[in-house]
Amino acid sequence: MKLISWNVNGLRACLTHGFAESFAALDADIFSVQETKMQPGQADFAPEGYTEYTYSAEKKGYSGTACWCKTAPLAVTTGIGLEQHDHEGRVLTLEYPGFYLVNCYTPNSQDGLKRLDYRMEWEDAFRAYLLALDAKKPVILCGDLNVAHTEMDIKNAKTNRMSAGFTDQERAKMTELLAAGFTDSFRAINENFSRVFTELFGGGEASLVLEDESDVLACGIGIRVAPPGKVIKNLEALSGGEQALVAISIYFAILAVNPAPFCILDEIEAALDDANVVRFAQYLRRISDKTQFIVITHRRGTMEAANVLYGVTMQEDGVSKLLKLDLEQVDATLVS
């Protein structure tokens, strides 16, 4: 799925500068824009194959969000459900079977920081809105958040400090938003790590620990493990194979939170003993319904769990050929 987000600073003006051509060339599944500055029907733009959803500000020529979708969402929500924040067309939410897409145009603090206090109220309310959605299904947030979070995000950071979009308060709220999402992901990864570790080690306990919960984005992460029948105070007390299996457990825990459709693993089980290679391979088979794996390996246990094997053979000096073995059909054929 291809998602595009763009602050157009006035859709009608943007349409006179090649927006329709760019829209067609990008060929997005969902195209989100912010700062449309228009009411419904004021722009002659109806791309074929898309359904349009708009949320305009009550004040004409101001703010506004819109989305064009190839596949219609299950539901569309405008605003965040709070009367004091739902007059400026700032949040448009599309619900799909596997996720929410939230298109946001965050209020600007304006010259002289006239709206900074309101911006702070908005930030807390919007974060709570996102977390409520996230409790139901994953959230994709896009849009113009009107903030430069770190000094690398803005030119002349020293002279721009405390200007709209780069105040200490706005940057702190962005940190809170990121931390909320990180903490939620960390919690899920930690739960998965405990489960995967137990499966791969055949028992024991494991957990991840934030070293400073007051600064979750910058602090270190501690790894606590206790393989079956062992009391471990330091990871260095584990064998090389056990350390590798701990790392594999963490990797699979992360993959369980957000499964990738395709993954290449290169000799990651090389340090494992034969028994743990078998556990690794069996686990890999169990999760292969969500992710397709290509595994580069020399371990027999991993090969035995594969659906198809590919190898290079040299039947004649200087002439390499690729051998394919379909283990489900038990049929070896030379493919090149």
Protein backbone atom coordinates (compact mmCIF):
# COMPACT_ATOMS: atom_id res chain seq x y z
CA MET A 1 0.00 0.00 0.00
CA LYS A 2 1.33 3.41 -1.00
CA LEU A 3 0.48 6.36 1.25
CA ILE A 4 1.24 10.00 0.41
CA SER A 5 0.91 13.03 2.71
CA TRP A 6 1.33 16.64 1.53
CA ASN A 7 0.73 20.11 2.96
CA VAL A 8 -0.58 21.93 -0.12
CA ASN A 9 -1.03 25.41 1.44
CA GLY A 10 -4.24 25.97 -0.49
CA LEU A 11 -5.52 23.23 -2.79
CA ARG A 12 -7.07 25.57 -5.35
CA ALA A 13 -3.79 27.40 -5.81
CA CYS A 14 -1.89 24.12 -5.88
CA LEU A 15 -4.09 22.84 -8.73
CA THR A 16 -2.80 25.67 -10.92
CA HIS A 17 0.79 24.49 -10.38
CA GLY A 18 0.66 20.86 -11.54
CA PHE A 19 -0.89 19.17 -8.51
CA ALA A 20 -3.20 16.98 -10.60
CA GLU A 21 -0.28 15.74 -12.70
CA SER A 22 1.81 14.99 -9.60
CA PHE A 23 -1.16 13.25 -8.00
CA ALA A 24 -1.58 10.96 -11.02
CA ALA A 25 2.15 10.23 -11.29
CA LEU A 26 2.46 9.29 -7.60
CA ASP A 27 -0.42 6.78 -7.94
CA ALA A 28 -1.02 6.51 -4.18
CA ASP A 29 -3.56 4.20 -2.58
CA ILE A 30 -4.38 6.93 -0.06
CA PHE A 31 -3.41 10.55 -0.76
CA SER A 32 -3.72 12.86 2.26
CA VAL A 33 -3.39 16.64 2.15
CA GLN A 34 -3.42 19.37 4.77
CA GLU A 35 -4.20 23.11 4.72
CA THR A 36 -6.70 22.78 1.88
CA LYS A 37 -8.10 26.29 2.66
CA MET A 38 -11.42 25.56 0.96
CA GLN A 39 -14.97 24.36 1.40
CA PRO A 40 -16.37 21.21 -0.29
CA GLY A 41 -17.01 21.69 -4.01
CA GLN A 42 -14.76 24.73 -4.40
CA ALA A 43 -12.11 22.86 -6.40
CA ASP A 44 -12.53 21.14 -9.76
CA PHE A 45 -10.61 18.00 -8.85
CA ALA A 46 -12.10 14.50 -9.05
CA PRO A 47 -9.40 11.93 -9.86
CA GLU A 48 -10.73 8.77 -11.48
CA GLY A 49 -10.72 5.68 -9.29
CA TYR A 50 -10.66 7.60 -6.01
CA THR A 51 -13.23 8.49 -3.37
CA GLU A 52 -12.79 11.91 -1.77
CA TYR A 53 -13.19 12.69 1.93
CA THR A 54 -12.83 16.27 3.19
CA TYR A 55 -12.98 18.10 6.50
CA SER A 56 -13.11 21.88 6.14
CA ALA A 57 -12.74 24.59 8.75
CA GLU A 58 -15.82 26.61 9.59
CA LYS A 59 -13.76 29.72 8.80
CA LYS A 60 -13.52 30.01 5.01
CA GLY A 61 -10.09 29.91 3.39
CA TYR A 62 -8.49 28.45 6.50
CA SER A 63 -6.91 25.12 7.53
CA GLY A 64 -8.70 21.94 6.37
CA THR A 65 -7.75 18.34 5.56
CA ALA A 66 -8.68 15.89 2.80
CA CYS A 67 -8.00 12.33 1.64
CA TRP A 68 -8.47 10.51 -1.67
CA CYS A 69 -8.74 6.74 -1.40
CA LYS A 70 -8.70 3.94 -3.97
CA THR A 71 -10.35 1.61 -1.46
CA ALA A 72 -13.18 3.04 0.61
CA PRO A 73 -12.56 2.90 4.38
CA LEU A 74 -14.88 1.15 6.80
CA ALA A 75 -15.62 4.47 8.50
CA VAL A 76 -14.59 8.12 8.36
CA THR A 77 -14.39 10.38 11.42
CA THR A 78 -13.90 14.15 11.45
CA GLY A 79 -12.36 15.84 14.45
CA ILE A 80 -11.30 14.26 17.74
CA GLY A 81 -14.64 14.35 19.52
CA LEU A 82 -14.05 17.51 21.56
CA GLU A 83 -16.13 20.59 20.76
CA GLN A 84 -13.35 23.08 21.55
CA HIS A 85 -11.03 21.45 19.00
CA ASP A 86 -13.40 20.50 16.18
CA HIS A 87 -14.07 23.75 14.30
CA GLU A 88 -10.94 24.04 12.16
CA GLY A 89 -10.95 20.87 10.03
CA ARG A 90 -7.75 19.58 11.55
CA VAL A 91 -8.15 15.80 11.94
CA LEU A 92 -9.59 13.35 9.42
CA THR A 93 -9.54 9.66 10.44
CA LEU A 94 -10.05 6.74 8.06
CA GLU A 95 -10.68 3.29 9.52
CA TYR A 96 -9.54 0.23 7.58
CA PRO A 97 -9.68 -3.45 8.64
CA GLY A 98 -6.07 -3.48 9.82
CA PHE A 99 -5.38 0.11 10.85
CA TYR A 100 -6.53 3.68 11.34
CA LEU A 101 -5.06 6.42 9.15
CA VAL A 102 -5.11 9.80 10.89
CA ASN A 103 -4.55 12.86 8.68
CA CYS A 104 -3.67 15.83 10.90
CA TYR A 105 -2.94 19.52 10.49
CA THR A 106 -1.73 20.69 13.90
CA PRO A 107 -2.55 24.28 14.96
CA ASN A 108 0.26 26.80 14.54
CA SER A 109 1.25 28.79 17.64
CA GLN A 110 1.31 31.91 15.43
CA ASP A 111 3.43 35.07 15.63
CA GLY A 112 4.09 36.16 19.15
CA LEU A 113 3.01 32.66 20.28
CA LYS A 114 -0.58 33.94 20.57
CA ARG A 115 -1.98 30.40 20.34
CA LEU A 116 0.71 28.56 22.29
CA ASP A 117 -1.55 27.91 25.30
CA TYR A 118 -4.25 26.55 23.00
CA ARG A 119 -1.63 24.48 21.19
CA MET A 120 -0.65 22.84 24.49
CA GLU A 121 -4.28 21.91 25.17
CA TRP A 122 -4.60 20.56 21.64
CA GLU A 123 -1.46 18.42 21.98
CA ASP A 124 -2.73 16.67 25.11
CA ALA A 125 -6.18 16.08 23.62
CA PHE A 126 -4.81 14.82 20.31
CA ARG A 127 -2.36 12.44 22.00
CA ALA A 128 -5.20 10.98 24.08
CA TYR A 129 -7.25 10.57 20.89
CA LEU A 130 -4.44 8.65 19.17
CA LEU A 131 -3.85 6.41 22.16
CA ALA A 132 -7.56 5.56 22.33
CA LEU A 133 -7.46 4.52 18.67
CA ASP A 134 -4.22 2.60 19.16
CA ALA A 135 -5.87 0.52 21.88
CA LYS A 136 -8.19 -0.86 19.17
CA LYS A 137 -5.84 -1.32 16.20
CA PRO A 138 -2.58 0.13 14.81
CA VAL A 139 -2.53 3.84 13.92
CA ILE A 140 -0.76 5.49 10.97
CA LEU A 141 -0.35 9.21 11.67
CA CYS A 142 0.45 11.53 8.79
CA GLY A 143 0.19 15.25 8.18
CA ASP A 144 1.75 18.56 9.12
CA LEU A 145 2.50 18.54 12.85
CA ASN A 146 3.89 22.10 12.80
CA VAL A 147 6.97 21.38 14.90
CA ALA A 148 10.72 21.03 14.46
CA HIS A 149 11.47 18.44 17.09
CA THR A 150 15.26 18.67 17.30
CA GLU A 151 17.90 21.18 16.27
CA MET A 152 18.74 19.13 13.20
CA ASP A 153 15.16 19.69 11.97
CA ILE A 154 15.51 23.46 11.57
CA LYS A 155 17.96 25.96 10.11
CA ASN A 156 19.55 28.42 12.55
CA ALA A 157 18.32 26.58 15.63
CA LYS A 158 19.79 29.06 18.11
CA THR A 159 18.16 32.14 16.61
CA ASN A 160 14.85 30.35 15.99
CA ARG A 161 14.50 28.97 19.50
CA MET A 162 11.15 29.94 21.04
CA SER A 163 9.68 30.86 17.66
CA ALA A 164 6.42 29.19 16.60
CA GLY A 165 7.03 25.52 15.89
CA PHE A 166 10.34 25.47 17.78
CA THR A 167 9.40 26.45 21.30
CA ASP A 168 10.57 24.29 24.18
CA GLN A 169 6.93 23.55 24.97
CA GLU A 170 6.04 22.31 21.47
CA ARG A 171 9.16 20.20 21.23
CA ALA A 172 8.43 18.66 24.63
CA LYS A 173 4.91 17.74 23.50
CA MET A 174 6.36 16.05 20.42
CA THR A 175 8.66 14.07 22.70
CA GLU A 176 5.63 13.02 24.75
CA LEU A 177 3.82 11.87 21.61
CA LEU A 178 6.80 9.85 20.41
CA ALA A 179 7.35 8.41 23.87
CA ALA A 180 3.72 7.31 24.10
CA GLY A 181 4.04 5.38 20.85
CA PHE A 182 7.45 3.97 21.80
CA THR A 183 6.25 2.85 25.21
CA ASP A 184 3.30 1.05 23.66
CA SER A 185 5.57 -0.73 21.14
CA PHE A 186 8.13 -1.51 23.84
CA ARG A 187 5.45 -3.11 25.99
CA ALA A 188 4.33 -5.34 23.11
CA ILE A 189 7.91 -6.29 22.20
CA ASN A 190 8.67 -7.10 25.84
CA GLU A 191 5.66 -9.42 26.08
CA ASN A 192 6.68 -11.14 22.84
CA PHE A 193 10.30 -11.44 23.98
CA SER A 194 9.24 -13.34 27.10
CA ARG A 195 7.10 -15.71 25.03
CA VAL A 196 9.61 -16.28 22.21
CA PHE A 197 12.51 -16.77 24.63
CA THR A 198 10.58 -19.47 26.47
CA GLU A 199 9.77 -21.24 23.20
CA LEU A 200 13.31 -21.14 21.84
CA PHE A 201 15.04 -22.03 25.12
CA GLY A 202 12.45 -24.63 26.12
CA GLY A 203 11.65 -22.70 29.31
CA GLY A 204 13.17 -20.00 31.47
CA GLU A 205 12.30 -16.31 31.81
CA ALA A 206 13.25 -13.13 29.98
CA SER A 207 12.35 -9.44 29.93
CA LEU A 208 13.45 -6.07 28.60
CA VAL A 209 13.81 -3.16 31.05
CA LEU A 210 14.00 0.59 30.37
CA GLU A 211 16.96 2.00 32.27
CA ASP A 212 15.29 5.40 32.69
CA GLU A 213 11.50 5.46 32.28
CA SER A 214 11.50 9.26 32.49
CA ASP A 215 13.47 9.45 29.22
CA VAL A 216 12.34 6.46 27.19
CA LEU A 217 13.55 7.83 23.83
CA ALA A 218 17.18 8.22 24.91
CA CYS A 219 17.74 5.73 27.71
CA GLY A 220 19.32 2.30 27.38
CA ILE A 221 17.44 -0.99 27.42
CA GLY A 222 18.46 -3.77 29.80
CA ILE A 223 18.12 -7.44 28.85
CA ARG A 224 17.34 -9.84 31.69
CA VAL A 225 17.34 -13.56 30.94
CA ALA A 226 17.29 -16.78 32.94
CA PRO A 227 17.63 -19.92 30.79
CA PRO A 228 16.16 -23.12 32.27
CA GLY A 229 18.11 -24.19 35.34
CA LYS A 230 20.47 -21.22 35.34
CA VAL A 231 20.81 -18.02 37.36
CA ILE A 232 22.41 -15.34 35.16
CA LYS A 233 23.56 -11.98 36.48
CA ASN A 234 25.33 -10.91 33.30
CA LEU A 235 24.80 -11.77 29.64
CA GLU A 236 28.51 -12.47 29.34
CA ALA A 237 27.96 -15.54 31.52
CA LEU A 238 25.98 -17.11 28.66
CA SER A 239 27.68 -19.22 26.03
CA GLY A 240 28.11 -17.80 22.52
CA GLY A 241 25.23 -19.94 21.30
CA GLU A 242 22.97 -18.80 24.14
CA GLN A 243 23.80 -15.15 23.46
CA ALA A 244 22.93 -15.69 19.80
CA LEU A 245 19.61 -17.28 20.75
CA VAL A 246 18.78 -14.33 23.02
CA ALA A 247 19.42 -11.97 20.10
CA ILE A 248 17.26 -14.14 17.83
CA SER A 249 14.49 -14.06 20.45
CA ILE A 250 14.55 -10.25 20.49
CA TYR A 251 14.50 -10.12 16.70
CA PHE A 252 11.48 -12.41 16.49
CA ALA A 253 9.76 -10.43 19.27
CA ILE A 254 10.08 -7.25 17.20
CA LEU A 255 8.93 -9.06 14.06
CA ALA A 256 5.82 -10.30 15.90
CA VAL A 257 4.73 -6.72 16.63
CA ASN A 258 4.88 -5.68 12.98
CA PRO A 259 5.40 -8.70 10.68
CA ALA A 260 7.29 -7.96 7.46
CA PRO A 261 6.05 -9.67 4.29
CA PHE A 262 9.59 -10.70 3.32
CA CYS A 263 12.76 -11.31 5.34
CA ILE A 264 16.32 -12.52 4.64
CA LEU A 265 18.22 -14.22 7.48
CA ASP A 266 21.96 -14.74 6.94
CA GLU A 267 23.57 -17.41 9.14
CA ILE A 268 21.91 -16.07 12.29
CA GLU A 269 21.74 -19.56 13.82
CA ALA A 270 25.36 -20.47 13.01
CA ALA A 271 26.45 -20.37 16.68
CA LEU A 272 23.58 -22.54 17.98
CA ASP A 273 23.98 -26.16 18.99
CA ASP A 274 21.97 -28.80 17.12
CA ALA A 275 19.07 -28.88 19.60
CA ASN A 276 18.61 -25.13 19.48
CA VAL A 277 18.90 -25.11 15.69
CA VAL A 278 15.91 -27.45 15.61
CA ARG A 279 13.92 -25.17 17.94
CA PHE A 280 14.87 -22.16 15.80
CA ALA A 281 13.80 -23.90 12.59
CA GLN A 282 10.52 -25.09 14.06
CA TYR A 283 9.69 -21.59 15.25
CA LEU A 284 10.54 -20.20 11.82
CA ARG A 285 8.07 -22.61 10.23
CA ARG A 286 5.34 -21.58 12.68
CA ILE A 287 5.58 -17.89 11.75
CA SER A 288 6.09 -18.40 8.00
CA ASP A 289 2.37 -17.89 7.39
CA LYS A 290 2.88 -14.15 7.99
CA THR A 291 6.40 -13.66 6.62
CA GLN A 292 8.25 -15.28 3.72
CA PHE A 293 11.80 -16.14 4.78
CA ILE A 294 14.92 -16.66 2.73
CA VAL A 295 17.52 -18.23 5.01
CA ILE A 296 21.21 -18.45 4.13
CA THR A 297 22.51 -21.34 6.20
CA HIS A 298 24.86 -24.29 6.51
CA ARG A 299 22.90 -25.94 9.34
CA ARG A 300 21.16 -29.22 8.59
CA GLY A 301 18.31 -28.62 11.04
CA THR A 302 17.35 -25.39 9.31
CA MET A 303 17.55 -27.00 5.88
CA GLU A 304 15.27 -29.83 6.98
CA ALA A 305 12.58 -27.33 7.98
CA ALA A 306 12.65 -25.47 4.66
CA ASN A 307 10.05 -25.75 1.92
CA VAL A 308 12.56 -25.36 -0.89
CA LEU A 309 16.36 -25.59 -0.91
CA TYR A 310 18.68 -23.85 -3.35
CA GLY A 311 22.37 -24.67 -3.52
CA VAL A 312 25.35 -24.20 -5.79
CA THR A 313 27.09 -27.29 -7.14
CA MET A 314 30.16 -27.67 -9.34
CA GLN A 315 29.88 -30.89 -11.34
CA GLU A 316 32.56 -29.69 -13.76
CA ASP A 317 35.62 -27.67 -12.88
CA GLY A 318 34.87 -23.96 -13.24
CA VAL A 319 31.20 -24.51 -14.05
CA SER A 320 28.72 -23.69 -11.27
CA LYS A 321 25.09 -24.74 -11.40
CA LEU A 322 22.13 -23.96 -9.16
CA LEU A 323 20.41 -26.97 -7.60
CA LYS A 324 16.79 -26.69 -6.49
CA LEU A 325 15.27 -29.22 -4.10
CA ASP A 326 11.55 -28.99 -3.37
CA LEU A 327 11.23 -30.80 -0.06
CA GLU A 328 7.46 -30.99 -0.33
CA GLN A 329 7.71 -32.87 -3.61
CA VAL A 330 11.12 -34.44 -2.90
CA ASP A 331 12.17 -33.64 -6.44
CA ALA A 332 15.67 -32.36 -7.26
CA THR A 333 16.10 -30.59 -10.57
CA LEU A 334 18.81 -28.52 -12.14
CA VAL A 335 17.35 -25.10 -12.83
CA SER A 336 20.38 -23.57 -14.47
